[in-house]
Protein backbone atom coordinates (compact mmCIF):
# COMPACT_ATOMS: atom_id res chain seq x y z
CA MET A 1 72.24 172.40 118.57
CA SER A 2 72.26 168.66 117.92
CA ASP A 3 72.64 165.96 120.51
CA THR A 4 75.92 164.11 120.84
CA VAL A 5 76.69 160.51 121.65
CA THR A 6 79.80 159.53 123.54
CA PHE A 7 81.37 156.10 123.45
CA GLU A 8 84.51 154.73 124.99
CA VAL A 9 87.37 153.15 123.12
CA PRO A 10 89.90 151.39 125.33
CA GLN A 11 93.32 152.98 125.12
CA ASP A 12 94.92 149.62 124.30
CA ILE A 13 92.80 149.42 121.14
CA LEU A 14 93.90 152.90 120.09
CA ASP A 15 97.48 151.92 120.88
CA SER A 16 97.17 148.71 118.85
CA ALA A 17 95.78 150.66 115.92
CA ARG A 18 98.44 153.35 116.45
CA LEU A 19 95.73 156.03 116.45
CA THR A 20 94.78 158.94 118.64
CA ALA A 21 91.12 159.63 119.39
CA PRO A 22 90.98 162.49 116.82
CA GLU A 23 92.62 160.24 114.21
CA LEU A 24 90.01 157.55 114.93
CA LYS A 25 87.24 160.08 114.22
CA ILE A 26 88.88 160.91 110.90
CA GLU A 27 89.15 157.22 109.99
CA LEU A 28 85.51 156.69 110.92
CA ALA A 29 84.45 159.70 108.84
CA LEU A 30 86.43 158.45 105.82
CA SER A 31 84.99 154.97 106.12
CA LEU A 32 81.39 156.13 106.46
CA TYR A 33 81.80 158.52 103.52
CA ALA A 34 83.38 155.81 101.35
CA GLN A 35 80.45 153.51 102.15
CA GLY A 36 77.99 156.24 101.15
CA ARG A 37 76.59 156.39 104.68
CA LEU A 38 77.58 160.02 105.29
CA SER A 39 77.52 163.03 103.00
CA ILE A 40 80.75 164.90 102.52
CA GLY A 41 79.44 167.70 104.75
CA LYS A 42 78.61 165.37 107.65
CA ALA A 43 81.81 163.36 107.18
CA ARG A 44 84.01 166.45 107.29
CA GLU A 45 82.09 167.62 110.35
CA LEU A 46 82.75 164.30 112.11
CA ALA A 47 86.41 164.51 111.11
CA GLY A 48 86.65 168.06 112.46
CA MET A 49 88.04 169.32 109.16
CA SER A 50 87.19 172.00 106.66
CA LEU A 51 85.61 170.86 103.42
CA TRP A 52 88.84 171.66 101.58
CA GLU A 53 90.95 169.62 104.04
CA PHE A 54 88.56 166.68 103.86
CA ARG A 55 88.52 166.73 100.05
CA GLN A 56 92.33 166.74 100.04
CA LEU A 57 92.35 163.76 102.38
CA LEU A 58 89.87 161.90 100.17
CA ALA A 59 92.12 162.52 97.18
CA ALA A 60 95.22 161.42 99.09
CA ARG A 61 93.45 158.19 100.10
CA ARG A 62 92.07 157.74 96.58
CA ILE A 63 88.49 157.68 97.84
CA PRO A 64 86.27 158.82 94.98
CA ALA A 65 83.95 161.74 95.51
CA HIS A 66 80.26 160.95 95.40
CA TYR A 67 79.10 163.09 92.53
CA ASP A 68 75.94 162.26 90.64
CA VAL A 69 73.83 163.82 87.91
CA GLU A 70 71.84 165.86 90.44
CA ASP A 71 75.07 167.34 91.85
CA LEU A 72 76.19 168.20 88.32
CA GLN A 73 72.88 169.91 87.56
CA ASP A 74 73.15 171.91 90.80
CA ASP A 75 76.64 173.03 89.82
CA ILE A 76 75.51 174.03 86.33
CA THR A 77 72.60 176.03 87.80
CA THR A 78 74.97 177.78 90.21
CA LEU A 79 77.41 178.64 87.41
CA GLU A 80 74.57 180.01 85.27
CA LYS A 81 73.43 182.22 88.14
CA LEU A 82 76.96 183.49 88.69
CA ASP A 83 77.34 184.20 84.99
CA ASN A 84 74.24 186.41 85.13
CA LEU A 85 75.59 188.61 87.95
């Protein structure tokens, strides 16, 4: 199990931003993912969402998925393996 870090956000800041604590975690996850600082797996974990839910949220916010040549090659390899089953 990994360690956790807790930090306090004053309620008046959440109120000013019109966010709840869980919504703030989602916003943080989206921002860190968009900056390329978190992978999609870690970002969805921080947001407390399934991968499918997080991908839908990325699409709704028009945040592009980070998908490079290595990811494409991994997907092609996986499809080839599935085709051979």
